[in-house]
Amino acid sequence: MKACTLVPLLAVGVAGCAGVDITPLSPAEEAAAHAGGTNRKGYIVYEPMVVVEVSQKELCNAPDDKGACKGATTTACSAGTPFVLPDTSKPFLVNAQSGFGKAGVEIAITNGWQLGSIKDNSDNTALLGTLEKVLALTGAKTLARETKGGQCKAGLYRVEQGPAGVTLSPLLIY
């Protein structure tokens, strides 16, 4: 008899836990949420994408003691300091749920679109801490590469990490 009452109480206890749900959204679900045509609750945030500006630079091959160029120059492509923009093709719904007892969840949204931090005092903080470490962005170094033909397509490029290494995909060429 005690086992019969323990199972429903355990089910209610698990269902009543506080926490944070992070759910990917389709473009249709995102549009419906912005239009108010859905019963989903929470904040819409976007996956960040790392972007660099690529420009063409002239490098001196033989500078003198005062820094003036006295020889030939070489054209090089240079990627500036990386920055972060929202990837609007990858929206997520973040919803904080309260449960029984004293459990608190704090969500910070930065720049109006980016999940800044999650402070969760319930039983799933280890999982969320791991998620924050996995999604943490690292800085990239400025790079210069000599170009063939002396031309560089200046613009904004998305930095992507893949099996072949780091690649740059054009976002806006100018």
N, C-alpha and C. Protein backbone atom coordinates (compact mmCIF):
# COMPACT_ATOMS: atom_id res chain seq x y z
N MET A 1 0.81 -1.18 0.00
CA MET A 1 0.00 0.00 0.00
C MET A 1 0.87 1.26 0.00
N LYS A 2 1.98 1.22 0.73
CA LYS A 2 2.86 2.38 0.78
C LYS A 2 3.49 2.64 -0.59
N ALA A 3 3.81 1.59 -1.34
CA ALA A 3 4.39 1.75 -2.67
C ALA A 3 3.41 2.40 -3.62
N CYS A 4 2.11 2.12 -3.46
CA CYS A 4 1.08 2.72 -4.33
C CYS A 4 0.98 4.23 -4.13
N THR A 5 1.18 4.71 -2.93
CA THR A 5 1.11 6.16 -2.69
C THR A 5 2.44 6.85 -2.96
N LEU A 6 3.52 6.11 -2.88
CA LEU A 6 4.84 6.68 -3.11
C LEU A 6 5.06 7.01 -4.59
N VAL A 7 4.60 6.18 -5.52
CA VAL A 7 4.81 6.39 -6.95
C VAL A 7 4.16 7.69 -7.43
N PRO A 8 2.87 7.96 -7.12
CA PRO A 8 2.29 9.24 -7.56
C PRO A 8 2.98 10.46 -6.93
N LEU A 9 3.38 10.36 -5.67
CA LEU A 9 4.08 11.48 -5.03
C LEU A 9 5.43 11.74 -5.69
N LEU A 10 6.13 10.68 -6.07
CA LEU A 10 7.41 10.82 -6.75
C LEU A 10 7.21 11.46 -8.12
N ALA A 11 6.17 11.07 -8.84
CA ALA A 11 5.87 11.64 -10.16
C ALA A 11 5.55 13.13 -10.05
N VAL A 12 4.76 13.51 -9.06
CA VAL A 12 4.42 14.92 -8.86
C VAL A 12 5.66 15.71 -8.47
N GLY A 13 6.52 15.13 -7.64
CA GLY A 13 7.75 15.80 -7.21
C GLY A 13 8.69 16.06 -8.36
N VAL A 14 8.84 15.09 -9.26
CA VAL A 14 9.72 15.27 -10.42
C VAL A 14 9.12 16.29 -11.37
N ALA A 15 7.81 16.24 -11.58
CA ALA A 15 7.15 17.17 -12.49
C ALA A 15 7.16 18.59 -11.95
N GLY A 16 7.29 18.76 -10.66
CA GLY A 16 7.24 20.09 -10.06
C GLY A 16 8.60 20.73 -9.89
N CYS A 17 9.67 20.19 -10.48
CA CYS A 17 11.00 20.76 -10.33
C CYS A 17 11.13 22.05 -11.13
N ALA A 18 11.87 22.98 -10.57
CA ALA A 18 12.15 24.22 -11.29
C ALA A 18 13.28 23.97 -12.27
N GLY A 19 13.34 24.79 -13.28
CA GLY A 19 14.42 24.65 -14.24
C GLY A 19 14.26 25.58 -15.42
N VAL A 20 15.09 25.38 -16.40
CA VAL A 20 15.07 26.18 -17.62
C VAL A 20 14.96 25.25 -18.80
N ASP A 21 14.00 25.54 -19.69
CA ASP A 21 13.87 24.80 -20.94
C ASP A 21 14.42 25.66 -22.07
N ILE A 22 15.33 25.11 -22.87
CA ILE A 22 15.85 25.78 -24.05
C ILE A 22 15.47 24.92 -25.24
N THR A 23 14.57 25.45 -26.08
CA THR A 23 14.00 24.68 -27.18
C THR A 23 14.29 25.37 -28.51
N PRO A 24 14.84 24.64 -29.50
CA PRO A 24 15.02 25.23 -30.82
C PRO A 24 13.66 25.50 -31.47
N LEU A 25 13.56 26.58 -32.22
CA LEU A 25 12.33 26.94 -32.91
C LEU A 25 12.52 26.89 -34.42
N SER A 26 11.47 26.52 -35.12
CA SER A 26 11.49 26.58 -36.57
C SER A 26 11.17 28.02 -36.97
N PRO A 27 11.45 28.42 -38.22
CA PRO A 27 11.10 29.78 -38.65
C PRO A 27 9.60 30.08 -38.50
N ALA A 28 8.75 29.10 -38.77
CA ALA A 28 7.30 29.31 -38.63
C ALA A 28 6.91 29.52 -37.17
N GLU A 29 7.51 28.74 -36.26
CA GLU A 29 7.22 28.89 -34.83
C GLU A 29 7.70 30.24 -34.31
N GLU A 30 8.87 30.69 -34.80
CA GLU A 30 9.38 32.00 -34.39
C GLU A 30 8.46 33.12 -34.87
N ALA A 31 8.02 33.05 -36.13
CA ALA A 31 7.11 34.08 -36.66
C ALA A 31 5.80 34.10 -35.89
N ALA A 32 5.27 32.92 -35.57
CA ALA A 32 4.02 32.85 -34.81
C ALA A 32 4.20 33.41 -33.40
N ALA A 33 5.34 33.15 -32.78
CA ALA A 33 5.60 33.66 -31.43
C ALA A 33 5.71 35.18 -31.44
N HIS A 34 6.37 35.75 -32.45
CA HIS A 34 6.49 37.20 -32.54
C HIS A 34 5.14 37.85 -32.83
N ALA A 35 4.26 37.15 -33.54
CA ALA A 35 2.94 37.68 -33.87
C ALA A 35 1.94 37.47 -32.74
N GLY A 36 2.32 36.71 -31.72
CA GLY A 36 1.43 36.45 -30.60
C GLY A 36 0.45 35.33 -30.87
N GLY A 37 0.69 34.55 -31.91
CA GLY A 37 -0.23 33.49 -32.27
C GLY A 37 0.16 32.13 -31.75
N THR A 38 0.74 32.07 -30.59
CA THR A 38 1.15 30.79 -30.01
C THR A 38 0.95 30.84 -28.50
N ASN A 39 0.82 29.67 -27.91
CA ASN A 39 0.67 29.62 -26.46
C ASN A 39 2.00 29.35 -25.77
N ARG A 40 3.10 29.37 -26.51
CA ARG A 40 4.42 29.17 -25.91
C ARG A 40 4.81 30.39 -25.09
N LYS A 41 5.49 30.13 -24.00
CA LYS A 41 5.93 31.20 -23.11
C LYS A 41 7.44 31.17 -23.01
N GLY A 42 8.02 32.33 -22.91
CA GLY A 42 9.46 32.43 -22.75
C GLY A 42 10.04 33.55 -23.59
N TYR A 43 11.35 33.56 -23.69
CA TYR A 43 12.08 34.57 -24.43
C TYR A 43 12.70 33.93 -25.66
N ILE A 44 12.70 34.65 -26.76
CA ILE A 44 13.35 34.16 -27.97
C ILE A 44 14.75 34.75 -28.02
N VAL A 45 15.73 33.88 -28.13
CA VAL A 45 17.13 34.28 -28.27
C VAL A 45 17.67 33.60 -29.52
N TYR A 46 18.83 34.03 -29.97
CA TYR A 46 19.41 33.48 -31.19
C TYR A 46 20.81 32.95 -30.92
N GLU A 47 21.19 31.96 -31.68
CA GLU A 47 22.55 31.43 -31.58
C GLU A 47 23.51 32.50 -32.08
N PRO A 48 24.60 32.74 -31.38
CA PRO A 48 25.55 33.74 -31.85
C PRO A 48 26.42 33.19 -32.98
N MET A 49 26.80 34.08 -33.89
CA MET A 49 27.77 33.71 -34.92
C MET A 49 28.93 34.70 -34.84
N VAL A 50 30.12 34.17 -34.98
CA VAL A 50 31.33 34.98 -34.92
C VAL A 50 31.59 35.53 -36.33
N VAL A 51 31.80 36.85 -36.40
CA VAL A 51 31.99 37.54 -37.67
C VAL A 51 33.28 38.34 -37.60
N VAL A 52 34.00 38.39 -38.74
CA VAL A 52 35.19 39.24 -38.85
C VAL A 52 35.06 40.10 -40.10
N GLU A 53 35.68 41.26 -40.03
CA GLU A 53 35.74 42.12 -41.21
C GLU A 53 37.07 41.87 -41.90
N VAL A 54 37.02 41.57 -43.18
CA VAL A 54 38.22 41.32 -43.97
C VAL A 54 38.46 42.54 -44.84
N SER A 55 39.69 43.03 -44.85
CA SER A 55 40.05 44.19 -45.66
C SER A 55 41.37 43.93 -46.37
N GLN A 56 41.64 44.76 -47.36
CA GLN A 56 42.88 44.65 -48.12
C GLN A 56 43.88 45.65 -47.55
N LYS A 57 45.12 45.20 -47.33
CA LYS A 57 46.15 46.08 -46.78
C LYS A 57 47.41 45.99 -47.63
N GLU A 58 48.13 47.09 -47.65
CA GLU A 58 49.43 47.13 -48.32
C GLU A 58 50.51 47.00 -47.25
N LEU A 59 51.37 46.00 -47.38
CA LEU A 59 52.46 45.78 -46.43
C LEU A 59 53.79 46.11 -47.09
N CYS A 60 54.63 46.82 -46.37
CA CYS A 60 55.94 47.21 -46.89
C CYS A 60 56.92 46.06 -46.73
N ASN A 61 57.64 45.75 -47.81
CA ASN A 61 58.63 44.66 -47.75
C ASN A 61 59.96 45.11 -47.16
N ALA A 62 60.28 46.43 -47.30
CA ALA A 62 61.58 46.92 -46.83
C ALA A 62 61.42 48.30 -46.17
N PRO A 63 60.96 48.36 -44.92
CA PRO A 63 60.84 49.67 -44.26
C PRO A 63 62.22 50.17 -43.80
N ASP A 64 62.36 51.52 -43.77
CA ASP A 64 63.62 52.08 -43.27
C ASP A 64 63.56 52.21 -41.75
N ASP A 65 64.57 52.83 -41.15
CA ASP A 65 64.66 52.94 -39.69
C ASP A 65 63.52 53.77 -39.08
N LYS A 66 62.97 54.71 -39.85
CA LYS A 66 61.90 55.57 -39.35
C LYS A 66 60.51 55.02 -39.66
N GLY A 67 60.44 53.85 -40.30
CA GLY A 67 59.16 53.22 -40.60
C GLY A 67 58.62 53.53 -41.98
N ALA A 68 59.28 54.41 -42.73
CA ALA A 68 58.83 54.72 -44.09
C ALA A 68 59.22 53.57 -45.03
N CYS A 69 58.39 53.35 -46.03
CA CYS A 69 58.64 52.26 -46.96
C CYS A 69 59.59 52.71 -48.05
N LYS A 70 60.70 52.01 -48.23
CA LYS A 70 61.65 52.38 -49.28
C LYS A 70 61.74 51.30 -50.35
N GLY A 71 60.92 50.27 -50.22
CA GLY A 71 60.95 49.19 -51.21
C GLY A 71 59.56 48.89 -51.73
N ALA A 72 59.42 47.71 -52.26
CA ALA A 72 58.14 47.27 -52.84
C ALA A 72 57.14 46.93 -51.72
N THR A 73 55.88 46.92 -52.09
CA THR A 73 54.83 46.56 -51.15
C THR A 73 54.15 45.27 -51.61
N THR A 74 53.51 44.61 -50.66
CA THR A 74 52.77 43.39 -50.92
C THR A 74 51.33 43.60 -50.46
N THR A 75 50.38 43.15 -51.27
CA THR A 75 48.97 43.24 -50.89
C THR A 75 48.62 42.01 -50.06
N ALA A 76 47.92 42.25 -48.95
CA ALA A 76 47.53 41.15 -48.06
C ALA A 76 46.10 41.35 -47.60
N CYS A 77 45.44 40.23 -47.34
CA CYS A 77 44.11 40.27 -46.73
C CYS A 77 44.30 40.23 -45.23
N SER A 78 43.51 41.02 -44.52
CA SER A 78 43.63 41.07 -43.07
C SER A 78 42.24 40.93 -42.46
N ALA A 79 42.13 40.02 -41.51
CA ALA A 79 40.87 39.85 -40.77
C ALA A 79 41.00 40.58 -39.45
N GLY A 80 40.04 41.46 -39.18
CA GLY A 80 40.08 42.26 -37.96
C GLY A 80 39.65 41.48 -36.73
N THR A 81 39.39 42.20 -35.68
CA THR A 81 38.96 41.61 -34.41
C THR A 81 37.57 41.01 -34.56
N PRO A 82 37.38 39.77 -34.15
CA PRO A 82 36.06 39.14 -34.29
C PRO A 82 35.02 39.77 -33.36
N PHE A 83 33.78 39.77 -33.83
CA PHE A 83 32.66 40.21 -33.02
C PHE A 83 31.50 39.27 -33.24
N VAL A 84 30.44 39.42 -32.45
CA VAL A 84 29.33 38.47 -32.46
C VAL A 84 28.06 39.15 -32.95
N LEU A 85 27.34 38.47 -33.85
CA LEU A 85 26.04 38.92 -34.34
C LEU A 85 25.04 37.78 -34.15
N PRO A 86 23.74 38.09 -34.13
CA PRO A 86 22.75 37.01 -34.00
C PRO A 86 22.60 36.24 -35.31
N ASP A 87 22.51 34.93 -35.21
CA ASP A 87 22.18 34.09 -36.36
C ASP A 87 20.67 33.90 -36.33
N THR A 88 19.96 34.74 -37.09
CA THR A 88 18.50 34.73 -37.03
C THR A 88 17.90 33.47 -37.63
N SER A 89 18.71 32.63 -38.26
CA SER A 89 18.19 31.36 -38.78
C SER A 89 18.16 30.29 -37.70
N LYS A 90 18.70 30.59 -36.51
CA LYS A 90 18.74 29.62 -35.42
C LYS A 90 18.17 30.20 -34.12
N PRO A 91 16.83 30.35 -34.07
CA PRO A 91 16.20 30.87 -32.84
C PRO A 91 15.98 29.78 -31.81
N PHE A 92 15.96 30.19 -30.53
CA PHE A 92 15.68 29.29 -29.42
C PHE A 92 14.69 29.96 -28.49
N LEU A 93 13.84 29.17 -27.88
CA LEU A 93 12.90 29.66 -26.87
C LEU A 93 13.45 29.27 -25.51
N VAL A 94 13.64 30.26 -24.64
CA VAL A 94 14.15 30.03 -23.29
C VAL A 94 13.01 30.30 -22.33
N ASN A 95 12.66 29.30 -21.53
CA ASN A 95 11.54 29.43 -20.61
C ASN A 95 11.97 28.95 -19.23
N ALA A 96 11.84 29.83 -18.24
CA ALA A 96 12.13 29.48 -16.85
C ALA A 96 10.86 28.97 -16.21
N GLN A 97 10.96 27.84 -15.53
CA GLN A 97 9.81 27.25 -14.86
C GLN A 97 10.06 27.21 -13.37
N SER A 98 9.06 27.61 -12.61
CA SER A 98 9.19 27.50 -11.17
C SER A 98 8.53 26.21 -10.72
N GLY A 99 8.99 25.70 -9.62
CA GLY A 99 8.46 24.43 -9.11
C GLY A 99 8.05 24.57 -7.66
N PHE A 100 8.00 23.44 -6.99
CA PHE A 100 7.65 23.43 -5.58
C PHE A 100 8.84 23.86 -4.74
N GLY A 101 8.56 24.45 -3.60
CA GLY A 101 9.63 24.81 -2.67
C GLY A 101 10.35 26.07 -3.09
N LYS A 102 11.59 26.20 -2.61
CA LYS A 102 12.40 27.38 -2.87
C LYS A 102 13.42 27.06 -3.94
N ALA A 103 13.09 27.38 -5.14
CA ALA A 103 14.04 27.20 -6.23
C ALA A 103 13.99 28.45 -7.07
N GLY A 104 15.13 28.97 -7.46
CA GLY A 104 15.15 30.20 -8.22
C GLY A 104 15.92 30.04 -9.51
N VAL A 105 15.42 30.69 -10.54
CA VAL A 105 16.08 30.70 -11.83
C VAL A 105 16.18 32.14 -12.29
N GLU A 106 17.39 32.56 -12.65
CA GLU A 106 17.60 33.89 -13.18
C GLU A 106 18.19 33.77 -14.57
N ILE A 107 17.60 34.46 -15.53
CA ILE A 107 18.08 34.45 -16.91
C ILE A 107 18.45 35.87 -17.28
N ALA A 108 19.64 36.04 -17.84
CA ALA A 108 20.07 37.36 -18.31
C ALA A 108 20.18 37.32 -19.83
N ILE A 109 19.48 38.25 -20.48
CA ILE A 109 19.55 38.36 -21.94
C ILE A 109 20.32 39.64 -22.24
N THR A 110 21.38 39.51 -23.04
CA THR A 110 22.21 40.66 -23.38
C THR A 110 21.99 41.04 -24.84
N ASN A 111 22.21 42.29 -25.13
CA ASN A 111 22.08 42.84 -26.48
C ASN A 111 20.69 42.65 -27.09
N GLY A 112 19.72 42.28 -26.28
CA GLY A 112 18.36 42.11 -26.76
C GLY A 112 18.08 40.82 -27.49
N TRP A 113 19.09 39.98 -27.70
CA TRP A 113 18.89 38.74 -28.46
C TRP A 113 19.72 37.57 -27.97
N GLN A 114 20.71 37.82 -27.13
CA GLN A 114 21.69 36.80 -26.77
C GLN A 114 21.50 36.33 -25.34
N LEU A 115 21.53 35.01 -25.15
CA LEU A 115 21.45 34.44 -23.81
C LEU A 115 22.77 34.74 -23.11
N GLY A 116 22.73 35.65 -22.12
CA GLY A 116 23.94 36.09 -21.45
C GLY A 116 24.39 35.13 -20.36
N SER A 117 23.48 34.78 -19.46
CA SER A 117 23.83 33.86 -18.39
C SER A 117 22.57 33.24 -17.81
N ILE A 118 22.78 32.12 -17.16
CA ILE A 118 21.69 31.42 -16.47
C ILE A 118 22.17 31.14 -15.06
N LYS A 119 21.38 31.55 -14.08
CA LYS A 119 21.67 31.22 -12.69
C LYS A 119 20.49 30.40 -12.20
N ASP A 120 20.76 29.16 -11.92
CA ASP A 120 19.71 28.21 -11.56
C ASP A 120 20.06 27.59 -10.22
N ASN A 121 19.18 27.73 -9.27
CA ASN A 121 19.41 27.16 -7.94
C ASN A 121 18.71 25.83 -7.74
N SER A 122 18.24 25.23 -8.82
CA SER A 122 17.59 23.92 -8.69
C SER A 122 18.60 22.82 -8.95
N ASP A 123 18.13 21.63 -9.20
CA ASP A 123 19.01 20.47 -9.25
C ASP A 123 19.70 20.23 -10.58
N ASN A 124 19.56 21.12 -11.57
CA ASN A 124 20.19 20.87 -12.86
C ASN A 124 21.26 21.89 -13.21
N THR A 125 21.89 22.50 -12.22
CA THR A 125 22.91 23.51 -12.49
C THR A 125 24.16 22.92 -13.12
N ALA A 126 24.49 21.68 -12.83
CA ALA A 126 25.68 21.08 -13.43
C ALA A 126 25.51 20.96 -14.93
N LEU A 127 24.33 20.58 -15.39
CA LEU A 127 24.06 20.47 -16.83
C LEU A 127 24.13 21.83 -17.49
N LEU A 128 23.54 22.85 -16.89
CA LEU A 128 23.55 24.19 -17.47
C LEU A 128 24.95 24.79 -17.46
N GLY A 129 25.74 24.51 -16.43
CA GLY A 129 27.12 24.99 -16.39
C GLY A 129 27.94 24.40 -17.52
N THR A 130 27.72 23.12 -17.81
CA THR A 130 28.40 22.47 -18.92
C THR A 130 27.97 23.10 -20.24
N LEU A 131 26.69 23.39 -20.39
CA LEU A 131 26.18 24.03 -21.60
C LEU A 131 26.82 25.40 -21.81
N GLU A 132 26.96 26.18 -20.75
CA GLU A 132 27.60 27.49 -20.86
C GLU A 132 29.05 27.35 -21.32
N LYS A 133 29.77 26.35 -20.79
CA LYS A 133 31.17 26.15 -21.18
C LYS A 133 31.28 25.74 -22.64
N VAL A 134 30.36 24.90 -23.11
CA VAL A 134 30.39 24.44 -24.49
C VAL A 134 30.12 25.60 -25.44
N LEU A 135 29.19 26.50 -25.08
CA LEU A 135 28.80 27.60 -25.95
C LEU A 135 29.69 28.83 -25.81
N ALA A 136 30.66 28.80 -24.90
CA ALA A 136 31.51 29.96 -24.69
C ALA A 136 32.33 30.24 -25.94
N LEU A 137 32.45 31.53 -26.28
CA LEU A 137 33.21 31.91 -27.46
C LEU A 137 34.63 32.26 -27.06
N THR A 138 35.57 31.88 -27.91
CA THR A 138 36.96 32.24 -27.67
C THR A 138 37.37 33.27 -28.72
N GLY A 139 38.29 34.12 -28.34
CA GLY A 139 38.76 35.16 -29.25
C GLY A 139 39.63 34.58 -30.34
N ALA A 140 39.60 35.19 -31.48
CA ALA A 140 40.44 34.77 -32.60
C ALA A 140 41.53 35.82 -32.80
N LYS A 141 42.63 35.41 -33.38
CA LYS A 141 43.74 36.32 -33.61
C LYS A 141 43.58 37.00 -34.97
N THR A 142 44.12 38.20 -35.08
CA THR A 142 44.13 38.89 -36.36
C THR A 142 45.11 38.16 -37.27
N LEU A 143 44.70 37.96 -38.52
CA LEU A 143 45.57 37.24 -39.42
C LEU A 143 45.73 38.03 -40.70
N ALA A 144 46.87 37.87 -41.35
CA ALA A 144 47.12 38.49 -42.65
C ALA A 144 47.66 37.40 -43.56
N ARG A 145 47.16 37.38 -44.78
CA ARG A 145 47.57 36.35 -45.73
C ARG A 145 47.82 37.02 -47.07
N GLU A 146 48.94 36.68 -47.69
CA GLU A 146 49.25 37.22 -49.00
C GLU A 146 48.27 36.66 -50.01
N THR A 147 47.78 37.52 -50.90
CA THR A 147 46.79 37.08 -51.88
C THR A 147 47.42 36.90 -53.24
N LYS A 148 46.88 35.98 -54.01
CA LYS A 148 47.32 35.78 -55.39
C LYS A 148 46.57 36.76 -56.26
N GLY A 149 47.28 37.45 -57.11
CA GLY A 149 46.64 38.42 -57.99
C GLY A 149 46.41 39.76 -57.32
N GLY A 150 46.74 39.91 -56.06
CA GLY A 150 46.65 41.18 -55.38
C GLY A 150 45.25 41.63 -55.04
N GLN A 151 44.25 40.80 -55.19
CA GLN A 151 42.88 41.20 -54.89
C GLN A 151 42.35 40.46 -53.67
N CYS A 152 41.61 41.18 -52.88
CA CYS A 152 40.99 40.63 -51.69
C CYS A 152 39.55 41.08 -51.69
N LYS A 153 38.62 40.20 -51.43
CA LYS A 153 37.21 40.58 -51.38
C LYS A 153 36.90 41.08 -49.97
N ALA A 154 36.88 42.40 -49.85
CA ALA A 154 36.63 43.01 -48.55
C ALA A 154 35.16 42.84 -48.18
N GLY A 155 34.90 42.64 -46.90
CA GLY A 155 33.53 42.50 -46.43
C GLY A 155 33.46 41.84 -45.07
N LEU A 156 32.25 41.40 -44.72
CA LEU A 156 32.02 40.69 -43.46
C LEU A 156 31.92 39.21 -43.75
N TYR A 157 32.63 38.42 -42.95
CA TYR A 157 32.68 36.97 -43.13
C TYR A 157 32.32 36.28 -41.82
N ARG A 158 31.57 35.19 -41.94
CA ARG A 158 31.24 34.36 -40.78
C ARG A 158 32.37 33.36 -40.56
N VAL A 159 32.82 33.25 -39.32
CA VAL A 159 33.86 32.29 -38.96
C VAL A 159 33.19 30.98 -38.59
N GLU A 160 33.56 29.90 -39.30
CA GLU A 160 32.96 28.59 -39.05
C GLU A 160 34.04 27.57 -38.76
N GLN A 161 33.78 26.74 -37.77
CA GLN A 161 34.69 25.67 -37.38
C GLN A 161 34.13 24.37 -37.93
N GLY A 162 34.92 23.65 -38.71
CA GLY A 162 34.47 22.39 -39.28
C GLY A 162 35.56 21.34 -39.21
N PRO A 163 35.32 20.19 -39.80
CA PRO A 163 36.32 19.13 -39.77
C PRO A 163 37.61 19.52 -40.48
N ALA A 164 37.51 20.41 -41.48
CA ALA A 164 38.69 20.84 -42.23
C ALA A 164 39.41 22.00 -41.56
N GLY A 165 38.88 22.49 -40.43
CA GLY A 165 39.49 23.62 -39.74
C GLY A 165 38.58 24.84 -39.78
N VAL A 166 39.16 26.01 -39.61
CA VAL A 166 38.40 27.25 -39.59
C VAL A 166 38.27 27.77 -41.02
N THR A 167 37.03 28.12 -41.40
CA THR A 167 36.77 28.68 -42.72
C THR A 167 36.00 29.99 -42.57
N LEU A 168 36.07 30.82 -43.61
CA LEU A 168 35.34 32.08 -43.64
C LEU A 168 34.29 32.00 -44.74
N SER A 169 33.02 32.25 -44.38
CA SER A 169 31.92 32.27 -45.34
C SER A 169 31.45 33.70 -45.50
N PRO A 170 31.34 34.19 -46.74
CA PRO A 170 30.93 35.59 -46.94
C PRO A 170 29.50 35.85 -46.47
N LEU A 171 29.32 36.95 -45.75
CA LEU A 171 28.00 37.44 -45.36
C LEU A 171 27.63 38.67 -46.17
N LEU A 172 28.58 39.61 -46.30
CA LEU A 172 28.37 40.85 -47.02
C LEU A 172 29.69 41.27 -47.65
N ILE A 173 29.74 41.32 -48.98
CA ILE A 173 30.95 41.74 -49.69
C ILE A 173 30.76 43.19 -50.12
N TYR A 174 31.77 44.03 -49.88
CA TYR A 174 31.68 45.43 -50.32
C TYR A 174 32.98 45.89 -50.89
